[in-house]
Amino acid sequence: MLTPDVAPKPTVIIYTDGGCLGNPGPGGWAAILRYGRHTKELTGRAGMTTNNRMELRAAVEALNVLSRPCPIEIFTDSEYLRRGITEWVKQWQRNGWKTAAKQPVKNRDLWQALMAAVERHAAAGDITWRWTKGHAGDEFNERADELANGAAHAATRNDPPDLDSQ
């Protein structure tokens, strides 16, 4: 029996970054979404936040902007983000959002938002989380870093900031 050739579903490639001027301090996040020939850049900022919150926000916002479920490959230079979503979060949930040291998980609100965003895309295929070394010449990682830094600097001015709770 012959099976028809089935073209794989196109994958959305996402690069994320987040950072702060000080930690905590004014912060910014960025995401670059690539689909075929199309590229979309997203940024946001917070007046007082942490690097880890901005890394998480970048991933949440990138996934939430997608209008329908699809296969996704996410590149991040944050081991906190990559390992958190691929290794740690399920155990945190089982432990009632406590760490192995029985402490409350930091940034629980954003981890839960990220889990919800990931679930929306699960039916379309896997989300692959990839680590890339920061400041090592990866064109899109460098651009995401530039955008996140620009957003963090904007948070130091009197521009209306994005809201980010701790």
Protein backbone atom coordinates (compact mmCIF):
# COMPACT_ATOMS: atom_id res chain seq x y z
CA MET A 1 0.00 0.00 0.00
CA LEU A 2 1.32 3.40 -0.95
CA THR A 3 1.00 6.33 1.38
CA PRO A 4 0.83 9.84 -0.01
CA ASP A 5 3.78 12.09 0.56
CA VAL A 6 2.92 14.34 3.44
CA ALA A 7 4.89 17.52 3.68
CA PRO A 8 5.97 18.32 7.21
CA LYS A 9 4.22 21.26 8.81
CA PRO A 10 6.34 24.40 8.62
CA THR A 11 8.03 25.25 11.88
CA VAL A 12 8.06 28.66 13.52
CA ILE A 13 11.58 29.51 14.69
CA ILE A 14 11.74 31.77 17.75
CA TYR A 15 14.73 33.48 19.35
CA THR A 16 14.19 35.00 22.79
CA ASP A 17 16.19 37.09 25.20
CA GLY A 18 15.66 39.11 28.33
CA GLY A 19 17.78 41.15 30.63
CA CYS A 20 18.04 43.97 33.14
CA LEU A 21 20.16 46.98 33.89
CA GLY A 22 21.03 45.71 37.33
CA ASN A 23 19.34 42.61 38.73
CA PRO A 24 16.80 43.63 39.85
CA GLY A 25 16.46 46.75 37.78
CA PRO A 26 14.82 48.13 34.66
CA GLY A 27 14.34 45.23 32.29
CA GLY A 28 13.54 44.36 28.73
CA TRP A 29 12.61 41.29 26.76
CA ALA A 30 12.57 40.46 23.06
CA ALA A 31 11.49 37.71 20.72
CA ILE A 32 12.12 37.21 17.04
CA LEU A 33 9.69 34.92 15.24
CA ARG A 34 10.64 33.49 11.85
CA TYR A 35 8.29 31.62 9.54
CA GLY A 36 9.48 31.08 5.99
CA ARG A 37 10.39 34.49 4.60
CA HIS A 38 8.52 36.33 7.36
CA THR A 39 10.10 37.80 10.48
CA LYS A 40 8.37 39.51 13.38
CA GLU A 41 10.14 41.24 16.28
CA LEU A 42 8.48 41.72 19.67
CA THR A 43 9.75 43.70 22.66
CA GLY A 44 8.56 44.80 26.06
CA ARG A 45 9.91 46.26 29.26
CA ALA A 46 9.39 46.60 32.98
CA GLY A 47 10.54 49.30 35.37
CA MET A 48 11.78 46.97 38.11
CA THR A 49 12.25 43.28 37.44
CA THR A 50 14.84 40.50 37.15
CA ASN A 51 16.76 38.89 34.29
CA ASN A 52 14.91 35.61 34.80
CA ARG A 53 11.49 37.27 34.65
CA MET A 54 12.43 38.95 31.38
CA GLU A 55 13.69 35.66 29.90
CA LEU A 56 10.38 34.02 30.79
CA ARG A 57 8.30 36.94 29.54
CA ALA A 58 10.01 36.77 26.15
CA ALA A 59 9.01 33.12 25.69
CA VAL A 60 5.46 33.64 26.97
CA GLU A 61 4.84 36.64 24.72
CA ALA A 62 6.32 34.91 21.67
CA LEU A 63 4.10 31.85 22.08
CA ASN A 64 1.02 33.94 22.86
CA VAL A 65 1.34 36.03 19.69
CA LEU A 66 0.94 32.93 17.48
CA SER A 67 -2.65 32.76 16.27
CA ARG A 68 -2.86 28.97 15.97
CA PRO A 69 -1.02 25.89 17.19
CA CYS A 70 2.06 24.97 15.18
CA PRO A 71 5.40 23.21 15.52
CA ILE A 72 7.93 25.53 17.15
CA GLU A 73 11.67 25.63 17.72
CA ILE A 74 12.76 28.10 20.42
CA PHE A 75 16.34 29.28 20.83
CA THR A 76 17.37 30.85 24.12
CA ASP A 77 20.65 31.70 25.78
CA SER A 78 19.00 31.15 29.19
CA GLU A 79 19.58 27.78 30.82
CA TYR A 80 17.08 28.87 33.48
CA LEU A 81 14.36 29.06 30.82
CA ARG A 82 15.38 25.97 28.84
CA ARG A 83 16.03 23.68 31.78
CA GLY A 84 13.09 25.06 33.72
CA ILE A 85 10.58 24.20 31.01
CA THR A 86 12.17 20.91 29.91
CA GLU A 87 13.36 19.49 33.26
CA TRP A 88 12.15 21.27 36.38
CA VAL A 89 8.58 22.52 35.95
CA LYS A 90 6.82 19.13 36.14
CA GLN A 91 8.51 18.38 39.47
CA TRP A 92 7.65 21.84 40.79
CA GLN A 93 4.00 21.18 39.92
CA ARG A 94 4.08 17.78 41.67
CA ASN A 95 5.65 19.45 44.74
CA GLY A 96 2.94 22.10 44.94
CA TRP A 97 5.19 24.74 43.34
CA LYS A 98 8.02 24.14 45.79
CA THR A 99 11.66 23.56 44.89
CA ALA A 100 13.61 20.49 45.97
CA ALA A 101 14.72 22.64 48.94
CA LYS A 102 11.00 23.12 49.83
CA GLN A 103 11.12 26.82 48.92
CA PRO A 104 8.44 28.51 46.80
CA VAL A 105 9.33 28.51 43.09
CA LYS A 106 10.36 31.98 41.98
CA ASN A 107 8.41 33.46 39.07
CA ARG A 108 5.59 30.94 39.48
CA ASP A 109 3.15 33.25 37.68
CA LEU A 110 5.31 33.31 34.57
CA TRP A 111 6.07 29.57 34.69
CA GLN A 112 2.32 28.93 34.80
CA ALA A 113 1.73 31.34 31.91
CA LEU A 114 4.48 29.60 29.95
CA MET A 115 2.99 26.17 30.65
CA ALA A 116 -0.41 27.39 29.38
CA ALA A 117 1.18 28.80 26.22
CA VAL A 118 3.08 25.55 25.60
CA GLU A 119 -0.13 23.51 26.05
CA ARG A 120 -1.89 25.52 23.31
CA HIS A 121 0.73 24.36 20.80
CA ALA A 122 1.14 20.76 22.00
CA ALA A 123 -1.47 19.37 19.61
CA ALA A 124 0.38 20.75 16.57
CA GLY A 125 3.64 19.06 17.37
CA ASP A 126 6.53 19.42 19.68
CA ILE A 127 8.06 22.58 20.88
CA THR A 128 11.79 22.06 20.72
CA TRP A 129 13.83 24.10 23.20
CA ARG A 130 17.38 24.83 22.12
CA TRP A 131 20.15 26.55 24.03
CA THR A 132 22.47 28.86 22.15
CA LYS A 133 25.50 30.55 23.60
CA GLY A 134 24.88 34.25 24.13
CA HIS A 135 27.18 36.85 22.56
CA ALA A 136 28.74 34.20 20.32
CA GLY A 137 27.83 35.53 16.90
CA ASP A 138 24.42 33.89 16.32
CA GLU A 139 22.70 36.54 14.18
CA PHE A 140 19.23 36.19 15.68
CA ASN A 141 20.41 35.74 19.26
CA GLU A 142 22.48 38.90 18.88
CA ARG A 143 19.47 40.78 17.47
CA ALA A 144 17.23 39.58 20.31
CA ASP A 145 19.86 40.76 22.81
CA GLU A 146 20.02 44.16 21.10
CA LEU A 147 16.22 44.51 21.21
CA ALA A 148 15.99 43.41 24.86
CA ASN A 149 18.73 45.86 25.87
CA GLY A 150 16.97 48.65 24.00
CA ALA A 151 13.75 47.85 25.82
CA ALA A 152 15.55 47.82 29.20
CA HIS A 153 17.04 51.24 28.45
CA ALA A 154 13.58 52.50 27.47
CA ALA A 155 12.35 51.36 30.88
CA THR A 156 14.76 53.84 32.50
CA ARG A 157 13.11 56.79 30.72
CA ASN A 158 9.68 58.19 31.42
CA ASP A 159 8.10 56.05 28.71
CA PRO A 160 5.03 54.17 29.97
CA PRO A 161 6.41 50.78 31.09
CA ASP A 162 4.93 47.36 30.61
CA LEU A 163 3.66 45.91 33.83
CA ASP A 164 5.60 43.11 35.46
CA SER A 165 4.91 41.94 38.97
CA GLN A 166 7.37 40.16 41.19
